[in-house]
Amino acid sequence: MATLKKGARITGAERTKLAGDLKKAYDKGTSIRELADKHGRSYGFVHRVLSESGVVLRGRGGATRGKAAAGKATARAKTK
């Protein structure tokens, strides 16, 4: 992992190497927030670098508001 000064501009080969490192870690399951904390960068920076690298970003997870979630909410309301 490269040591980066907070807010330092990252360009050229250094940015390409960082993008590769971020991509590998993200593909193994590390979240964008974890990567941002680990590298001392913002969530937006890491998100942008991953997107520029052609990474297919994962969904956010958590509850959805589709038919399945509505059905679960109805079932819970009936049990109370």
PDB file of N, CA and C in Angstrom:
ATOM      1  N   MET A   1       0.852  -1.181   0.000  1.00  0.00           N
ATOM      2  CA  MET A   1       0.000   0.000   0.000  1.00  0.00           C
ATOM      3  C   MET A   1       0.894   1.239   0.000  1.00  0.00           C
ATOM      4  N   ALA A   2       0.634   2.146  -0.903  1.00  0.00           N
ATOM      5  CA  ALA A   2       1.414   3.373  -0.999  1.00  0.00           C
ATOM      6  C   ALA A   2       1.017   4.324   0.116  1.00  0.00           C
ATOM      7  N   THR A   3       2.013   5.022   0.695  1.00  0.00           N
ATOM      8  CA  THR A   3       1.725   6.026   1.710  1.00  0.00           C
ATOM      9  C   THR A   3       1.457   7.327   0.986  1.00  0.00           C
ATOM     10  N   LEU A   4       0.278   7.872   1.190  1.00  0.00           N
ATOM     11  CA  LEU A   4      -0.132   9.082   0.488  1.00  0.00           C
ATOM     12  C   LEU A   4      -0.419  10.193   1.469  1.00  0.00           C
ATOM     13  N   LYS A   5       0.017  11.398   1.128  1.00  0.00           N
ATOM     14  CA  LYS A   5      -0.343  12.545   1.951  1.00  0.00           C
ATOM     15  C   LYS A   5      -1.803  12.863   1.724  1.00  0.00           C
ATOM     16  N   LYS A   6      -2.502  13.187   2.801  1.00  0.00           N
ATOM     17  CA  LYS A   6      -3.922  13.495   2.687  1.00  0.00           C
ATOM     18  C   LYS A   6      -4.118  14.683   1.748  1.00  0.00           C
ATOM     19  N   GLY A   7      -4.986  14.495   0.754  1.00  0.00           N
ATOM     20  CA  GLY A   7      -5.301  15.565  -0.182  1.00  0.00           C
ATOM     21  C   GLY A   7      -4.293  15.747  -1.302  1.00  0.00           C
ATOM     22  N   ALA A   8      -3.220  14.943  -1.297  1.00  0.00           N
ATOM     23  CA  ALA A   8      -2.210  15.068  -2.348  1.00  0.00           C
ATOM     24  C   ALA A   8      -2.795  14.617  -3.683  1.00  0.00           C
ATOM     25  N   ARG A   9      -2.428  15.324  -4.734  1.00  0.00           N
ATOM     26  CA  ARG A   9      -2.896  14.978  -6.070  1.00  0.00           C
ATOM     27  C   ARG A   9      -2.157  13.721  -6.530  1.00  0.00           C
ATOM     28  N   ILE A  10      -2.906  12.776  -7.038  1.00  0.00           N
ATOM     29  CA  ILE A  10      -2.315  11.511  -7.473  1.00  0.00           C
ATOM     30  C   ILE A  10      -2.546  11.377  -8.968  1.00  0.00           C
ATOM     31  N   THR A  11      -1.444  11.304  -9.726  1.00  0.00           N
ATOM     32  CA  THR A  11      -1.539  11.248 -11.182  1.00  0.00           C
ATOM     33  C   THR A  11      -0.566  10.212 -11.736  1.00  0.00           C
ATOM     34  N   GLY A  12      -0.713   9.953 -13.001  1.00  0.00           N
ATOM     35  CA  GLY A  12       0.230   9.112 -13.729  1.00  0.00           C
ATOM     36  C   GLY A  12       0.313   7.690 -13.226  1.00  0.00           C
ATOM     37  N   ALA A  13       1.552   7.190 -13.169  1.00  0.00           N
ATOM     38  CA  ALA A  13       1.802   5.804 -12.786  1.00  0.00           C
ATOM     39  C   ALA A  13       1.352   5.528 -11.364  1.00  0.00           C
ATOM     40  N   GLU A  14       1.507   6.523 -10.490  1.00  0.00           N
ATOM     41  CA  GLU A  14       1.091   6.352  -9.093  1.00  0.00           C
ATOM     42  C   GLU A  14      -0.418   6.123  -8.993  1.00  0.00           C
ATOM     43  N   ARG A  15      -1.180   6.869  -9.785  1.00  0.00           N
ATOM     44  CA  ARG A  15      -2.638   6.711  -9.784  1.00  0.00           C
ATOM     45  C   ARG A  15      -3.034   5.366 -10.392  1.00  0.00           C
ATOM     46  N   THR A  16      -2.332   4.952 -11.436  1.00  0.00           N
ATOM     47  CA  THR A  16      -2.608   3.669 -12.070  1.00  0.00           C
ATOM     48  C   THR A  16      -2.352   2.525 -11.098  1.00  0.00           C
ATOM     49  N   LYS A  17      -1.254   2.603 -10.338  1.00  0.00           N
ATOM     50  CA  LYS A  17      -0.946   1.577  -9.351  1.00  0.00           C
ATOM     51  C   LYS A  17      -1.989   1.572  -8.243  1.00  0.00           C
ATOM     52  N   LEU A  18      -2.363   2.742  -7.755  1.00  0.00           N
ATOM     53  CA  LEU A  18      -3.379   2.833  -6.709  1.00  0.00           C
ATOM     54  C   LEU A  18      -4.698   2.260  -7.205  1.00  0.00           C
ATOM     55  N   ALA A  19      -5.066   2.570  -8.436  1.00  0.00           N
ATOM     56  CA  ALA A  19      -6.319   2.049  -9.010  1.00  0.00           C
ATOM     57  C   ALA A  19      -6.291   0.526  -9.047  1.00  0.00           C
ATOM     58  N   GLY A  20      -5.169  -0.043  -9.417  1.00  0.00           N
ATOM     59  CA  GLY A  20      -5.035  -1.501  -9.443  1.00  0.00           C
ATOM     60  C   GLY A  20      -5.164  -2.104  -8.051  1.00  0.00           C
ATOM     61  N   ASP A  21      -4.522  -1.472  -7.066  1.00  0.00           N
ATOM     62  CA  ASP A  21      -4.601  -1.950  -5.681  1.00  0.00           C
ATOM     63  C   ASP A  21      -6.031  -1.863  -5.153  1.00  0.00           C
ATOM     64  N   LEU A  22      -6.695  -0.743  -5.431  1.00  0.00           N
ATOM     65  CA  LEU A  22      -8.077  -0.564  -4.979  1.00  0.00           C
ATOM     66  C   LEU A  22      -8.995  -1.594  -5.636  1.00  0.00           C
ATOM     67  N   LYS A  23      -8.786  -1.814  -6.921  1.00  0.00           N
ATOM     68  CA  LYS A  23      -9.623  -2.774  -7.663  1.00  0.00           C
ATOM     69  C   LYS A  23      -9.482  -4.175  -7.082  1.00  0.00           C
ATOM     70  N   LYS A  24      -8.242  -4.612  -6.815  1.00  0.00           N
ATOM     71  CA  LYS A  24      -8.019  -5.941  -6.255  1.00  0.00           C
ATOM     72  C   LYS A  24      -8.723  -6.095  -4.913  1.00  0.00           C
ATOM     73  N   ALA A  25      -8.562  -5.106  -4.037  1.00  0.00           N
ATOM     74  CA  ALA A  25      -9.173  -5.167  -2.712  1.00  0.00           C
ATOM     75  C   ALA A  25     -10.692  -5.132  -2.804  1.00  0.00           C
ATOM     76  N   TYR A  26     -11.226  -4.300  -3.696  1.00  0.00           N
ATOM     77  CA  TYR A  26     -12.676  -4.190  -3.857  1.00  0.00           C
ATOM     78  C   TYR A  26     -13.252  -5.498  -4.394  1.00  0.00           C
ATOM     79  N   ASP A  27     -12.564  -6.105  -5.338  1.00  0.00           N
ATOM     80  CA  ASP A  27     -13.008  -7.376  -5.906  1.00  0.00           C
ATOM     81  C   ASP A  27     -12.996  -8.497  -4.865  1.00  0.00           C
ATOM     82  N   LYS A  28     -12.147  -8.378  -3.841  1.00  0.00           N
ATOM     83  CA  LYS A  28     -12.094  -9.378  -2.768  1.00  0.00           C
ATOM     84  C   LYS A  28     -13.159  -9.121  -1.699  1.00  0.00           C
ATOM     85  N   GLY A  29     -13.912  -8.003  -1.831  1.00  0.00           N
ATOM     86  CA  GLY A  29     -15.006  -7.763  -0.899  1.00  0.00           C
ATOM     87  C   GLY A  29     -14.852  -6.570   0.022  1.00  0.00           C
ATOM     88  N   THR A  30     -13.742  -5.884  -0.026  1.00  0.00           N
ATOM     89  CA  THR A  30     -13.550  -4.709   0.818  1.00  0.00           C
ATOM     90  C   THR A  30     -14.474  -3.599   0.336  1.00  0.00           C
ATOM     91  N   SER A  31     -15.113  -2.902   1.263  1.00  0.00           N
ATOM     92  CA  SER A  31     -16.043  -1.839   0.882  1.00  0.00           C
ATOM     93  C   SER A  31     -15.293  -0.575   0.479  1.00  0.00           C
ATOM     94  N   ILE A  32     -15.977   0.301  -0.213  1.00  0.00           N
ATOM     95  CA  ILE A  32     -15.381   1.579  -0.615  1.00  0.00           C
ATOM     96  C   ILE A  32     -14.999   2.384   0.624  1.00  0.00           C
ATOM     97  N   ARG A  33     -15.863   2.383   1.635  1.00  0.00           N
ATOM     98  CA  ARG A  33     -15.559   3.121   2.875  1.00  0.00           C
ATOM     99  C   ARG A  33     -14.314   2.578   3.563  1.00  0.00           C
ATOM    100  N   GLU A  34     -14.174   1.256   3.599  1.00  0.00           N
ATOM    101  CA  GLU A  34     -12.982   0.657   4.201  1.00  0.00           C
ATOM    102  C   GLU A  34     -11.729   1.030   3.414  1.00  0.00           C
ATOM    103  N   LEU A  35     -11.831   1.008   2.095  1.00  0.00           N
ATOM    104  CA  LEU A  35     -10.690   1.393   1.259  1.00  0.00           C
ATOM    105  C   LEU A  35     -10.325   2.856   1.479  1.00  0.00           C
ATOM    106  N   ALA A  36     -11.329   3.709   1.564  1.00  0.00           N
ATOM    107  CA  ALA A  36     -11.080   5.139   1.779  1.00  0.00           C
ATOM    108  C   ALA A  36     -10.361   5.365   3.110  1.00  0.00           C
ATOM    109  N   ASP A  37     -10.827   4.703   4.158  1.00  0.00           N
ATOM    110  CA  ASP A  37     -10.184   4.842   5.475  1.00  0.00           C
ATOM    111  C   ASP A  37      -8.754   4.326   5.448  1.00  0.00           C
ATOM    112  N   LYS A  38      -8.571   3.163   4.844  1.00  0.00           N
ATOM    113  CA  LYS A  38      -7.253   2.529   4.794  1.00  0.00           C
ATOM    114  C   LYS A  38      -6.227   3.383   4.050  1.00  0.00           C
ATOM    115  N   HIS A  39      -6.668   4.043   2.978  1.00  0.00           N
ATOM    116  CA  HIS A  39      -5.746   4.827   2.152  1.00  0.00           C
ATOM    117  C   HIS A  39      -5.742   6.310   2.495  1.00  0.00           C
ATOM    118  N   GLY A  40      -6.559   6.718   3.462  1.00  0.00           N
ATOM    119  CA  GLY A  40      -6.587   8.121   3.867  1.00  0.00           C
ATOM    120  C   GLY A  40      -7.178   9.040   2.807  1.00  0.00           C
ATOM    121  N   ARG A  41      -8.120   8.510   2.028  1.00  0.00           N
ATOM    122  CA  ARG A  41      -8.762   9.287   0.968  1.00  0.00           C
ATOM    123  C   ARG A  41     -10.257   9.353   1.235  1.00  0.00           C
ATOM    124  N   SER A  42     -10.947  10.172   0.492  1.00  0.00           N
ATOM    125  CA  SER A  42     -12.393  10.298   0.662  1.00  0.00           C
ATOM    126  C   SER A  42     -13.118   9.167  -0.057  1.00  0.00           C
ATOM    127  N   TYR A  43     -14.353   8.940   0.361  1.00  0.00           N
ATOM    128  CA  TYR A  43     -15.214   7.951  -0.294  1.00  0.00           C
ATOM    129  C   TYR A  43     -15.352   8.304  -1.775  1.00  0.00           C
ATOM    130  N   GLY A  44     -15.589   9.578  -2.071  1.00  0.00           N
ATOM    131  CA  GLY A  44     -15.775  10.028  -3.449  1.00  0.00           C
ATOM    132  C   GLY A  44     -14.566   9.767  -4.321  1.00  0.00           C
ATOM    133  N   PHE A  45     -13.375   9.995  -3.774  1.00  0.00           N
ATOM    134  CA  PHE A  45     -12.147   9.747  -4.531  1.00  0.00           C
ATOM    135  C   PHE A  45     -12.029   8.271  -4.895  1.00  0.00           C
ATOM    136  N   VAL A  46     -12.223   7.399  -3.901  1.00  0.00           N
ATOM    137  CA  VAL A  46     -12.096   5.962  -4.140  1.00  0.00           C
ATOM    138  C   VAL A  46     -13.162   5.504  -5.139  1.00  0.00           C
ATOM    139  N   HIS A  47     -14.380   5.988  -4.973  1.00  0.00           N
ATOM    140  CA  HIS A  47     -15.476   5.648  -5.890  1.00  0.00           C
ATOM    141  C   HIS A  47     -15.121   6.055  -7.314  1.00  0.00           C
ATOM    142  N   ARG A  48     -14.591   7.255  -7.471  1.00  0.00           N
ATOM    143  CA  ARG A  48     -14.234   7.770  -8.797  1.00  0.00           C
ATOM    144  C   ARG A  48     -13.103   6.947  -9.421  1.00  0.00           C
ATOM    145  N   VAL A  49     -12.084   6.627  -8.635  1.00  0.00           N
ATOM    146  CA  VAL A  49     -10.960   5.843  -9.162  1.00  0.00           C
ATOM    147  C   VAL A  49     -11.427   4.450  -9.589  1.00  0.00           C
ATOM    148  N   LEU A  50     -12.280   3.834  -8.774  1.00  0.00           N
ATOM    149  CA  LEU A  50     -12.801   2.517  -9.145  1.00  0.00           C
ATOM    150  C   LEU A  50     -13.628   2.604 -10.425  1.00  0.00           C
ATOM    151  N   SER A  51     -14.471   3.616 -10.525  1.00  0.00           N
ATOM    152  CA  SER A  51     -15.306   3.790 -11.719  1.00  0.00           C
ATOM    153  C   SER A  51     -14.455   4.024 -12.957  1.00  0.00           C
ATOM    154  N   GLU A  52     -13.427   4.853 -12.827  1.00  0.00           N
ATOM    155  CA  GLU A  52     -12.524   5.123 -13.950  1.00  0.00           C
ATOM    156  C   GLU A  52     -11.790   3.854 -14.383  1.00  0.00           C
ATOM    157  N   SER A  53     -11.607   2.929 -13.442  1.00  0.00           N
ATOM    158  CA  SER A  53     -10.891   1.686 -13.730  1.00  0.00           C
ATOM    159  C   SER A  53     -11.790   0.637 -14.373  1.00  0.00           C
ATOM    160  N   GLY A  54     -13.072   0.956 -14.535  1.00  0.00           N
ATOM    161  CA  GLY A  54     -13.996   0.036 -15.169  1.00  0.00           C
ATOM    162  C   GLY A  54     -14.568  -1.011 -14.228  1.00  0.00           C
ATOM    163  N   VAL A  55     -14.431  -0.799 -12.921  1.00  0.00           N
ATOM    164  CA  VAL A  55     -14.964  -1.745 -11.944  1.00  0.00           C
ATOM    165  C   VAL A  55     -16.484  -1.646 -11.931  1.00  0.00           C
ATOM    166  N   VAL A  56     -17.159  -2.799 -11.901  1.00  0.00           N
ATOM    167  CA  VAL A  56     -18.614  -2.820 -11.754  1.00  0.00           C
ATOM    168  C   VAL A  56     -18.880  -2.766 -10.257  1.00  0.00           C
ATOM    169  N   LEU A  57     -19.449  -1.646  -9.807  1.00  0.00           N
ATOM    170  CA  LEU A  57     -19.656  -1.450  -8.383  1.00  0.00           C
ATOM    171  C   LEU A  57     -20.827  -2.276  -7.875  1.00  0.00           C
ATOM    172  N   ARG A  58     -20.680  -2.776  -6.648  1.00  0.00           N
ATOM    173  CA  ARG A  58     -21.730  -3.565  -6.013  1.00  0.00           C
ATOM    174  C   ARG A  58     -22.875  -2.659  -5.592  1.00  0.00           C
ATOM    175  N   GLY A  59     -24.045  -3.270  -5.413  1.00  0.00           N
ATOM    176  CA  GLY A  59     -25.192  -2.536  -4.886  1.00  0.00           C
ATOM    177  C   GLY A  59     -24.969  -2.180  -3.429  1.00  0.00           C
ATOM    178  N   ARG A  60     -25.809  -1.315  -2.922  1.00  0.00           N
ATOM    179  CA  ARG A  60     -25.640  -0.844  -1.554  1.00  0.00           C
ATOM    180  C   ARG A  60     -26.047  -1.866  -0.509  1.00  0.00           C
ATOM    181  N   GLY A  61     -26.927  -2.803  -0.866  1.00  0.00           N
ATOM    182  CA  GLY A  61     -27.380  -3.779   0.119  1.00  0.00           C
ATOM    183  C   GLY A  61     -28.428  -3.169   1.030  1.00  0.00           C
ATOM    184  N   GLY A  62     -28.747  -3.852   2.090  1.00  0.00           N
ATOM    185  CA  GLY A  62     -29.752  -3.354   3.012  1.00  0.00           C
ATOM    186  C   GLY A  62     -31.154  -3.600   2.494  1.00  0.00           C
ATOM    187  N   ALA A  63     -32.118  -3.027   3.194  1.00  0.00           N
ATOM    188  CA  ALA A  63     -33.519  -3.228   2.836  1.00  0.00           C
ATOM    189  C   ALA A  63     -33.834  -2.570   1.504  1.00  0.00           C
ATOM    190  N   THR A  64     -34.710  -3.220   0.764  1.00  0.00           N
ATOM    191  CA  THR A  64     -35.158  -2.646  -0.495  1.00  0.00           C
ATOM    192  C   THR A  64     -36.611  -2.225  -0.342  1.00  0.00           C
ATOM    193  N   ARG A  65     -37.107  -1.504  -1.281  1.00  0.00           N
ATOM    194  CA  ARG A  65     -38.475  -1.025  -1.204  1.00  0.00           C
ATOM    195  C   ARG A  65     -39.354  -1.679  -2.271  1.00  0.00           C
ATOM    196  N   GLY A  66     -38.922  -2.840  -2.721  1.00  0.00           N
ATOM    197  CA  GLY A  66     -39.674  -3.564  -3.750  1.00  0.00           C
ATOM    198  C   GLY A  66     -40.799  -4.387  -3.146  1.00  0.00           C
ATOM    199  N   LYS A  67     -41.394  -5.234  -3.962  1.00  0.00           N
ATOM    200  CA  LYS A  67     -42.523  -6.067  -3.527  1.00  0.00           C
ATOM    201  C   LYS A  67     -42.146  -6.967  -2.359  1.00  0.00           C
ATOM    202  N   ALA A  68     -40.969  -7.539  -2.381  1.00  0.00           N
ATOM    203  CA  ALA A  68     -40.548  -8.442  -1.311  1.00  0.00           C
ATOM    204  C   ALA A  68     -40.478  -7.705   0.027  1.00  0.00           C
ATOM    205  N   ALA A  69     -39.923  -6.515   0.038  1.00  0.00           N
ATOM    206  CA  ALA A  69     -39.825  -5.744   1.276  1.00  0.00           C
ATOM    207  C   ALA A  69     -41.208  -5.334   1.767  1.00  0.00           C
ATOM    208  N   ALA A  70     -42.087  -4.985   0.849  1.00  0.00           N
ATOM    209  CA  ALA A  70     -43.447  -4.603   1.242  1.00  0.00           C
ATOM    210  C   ALA A  70     -44.167  -5.786   1.862  1.00  0.00           C
ATOM    211  N   GLY A  71     -43.978  -6.970   1.317  1.00  0.00           N
ATOM    212  CA  GLY A  71     -44.588  -8.174   1.862  1.00  0.00           C
ATOM    213  C   GLY A  71     -44.101  -8.490   3.265  1.00  0.00           C
ATOM    214  N   LYS A  72     -42.807  -8.304   3.498  1.00  0.00           N
ATOM    215  CA  LYS A  72     -42.232  -8.529   4.822  1.00  0.00           C
ATOM    216  C   LYS A  72     -42.792  -7.533   5.834  1.00  0.00           C
ATOM    217  N   ALA A  73     -42.918  -6.285   5.432  1.00  0.00           N
ATOM    218  CA  ALA A  73     -43.463  -5.268   6.327  1.00  0.00           C
ATOM    219  C   ALA A  73     -44.903  -5.587   6.695  1.00  0.00           C
ATOM    220  N   THR A  74     -45.675  -6.058   5.752  1.00  0.00           N
ATOM    221  CA  THR A  74     -47.072  -6.433   5.998  1.00  0.00           C
ATOM    222  C   THR A  74     -47.133  -7.620   6.959  1.00  0.00           C
ATOM    223  N   ALA A  75     -46.267  -8.611   6.749  1.00  0.00           N
ATOM    224  CA  ALA A  75     -46.240  -9.794   7.611  1.00  0.00           C
ATOM    225  C   ALA A  75     -45.866  -9.408   9.037  1.00  0.00           C
ATOM    226  N   ARG A  76     -44.897  -8.516   9.200  1.00  0.00           N
ATOM    227  CA  ARG A  76     -44.507  -8.079  10.536  1.00  0.00           C
ATOM    228  C   ARG A  76     -45.636  -7.326  11.219  1.00  0.00           C
ATOM    229  N   ALA A  77     -46.341  -6.515  10.474  1.00  0.00           N
ATOM    230  CA  ALA A  77     -47.433  -5.729  11.053  1.00  0.00           C
ATOM    231  C   ALA A  77     -48.548  -6.656  11.546  1.00  0.00           C
ATOM    232  N   LYS A  78     -48.784  -7.749  10.859  1.00  0.00           N
ATOM    233  CA  LYS A  78     -49.844  -8.686  11.247  1.00  0.00           C
ATOM    234  C   LYS A  78     -49.488  -9.448  12.507  1.00  0.00           C
ATOM    235  N   THR A  79     -48.189  -9.661  12.774  1.00  0.00           N
ATOM    236  CA  THR A  79     -47.766 -10.429  13.953  1.00  0.00           C
ATOM    237  C   THR A  79     -47.750  -9.590  15.211  1.00  0.00           C
ATOM    238  N   LYS A  80     -47.857  -8.311  15.101  1.00  0.00           N
ATOM    239  CA  LYS A  80     -47.822  -7.433  16.284  1.00  0.00           C
ATOM    240  C   LYS A  80     -49.172  -7.258  16.893  1.00  0.00           C
TER     241      LYS A  80
END
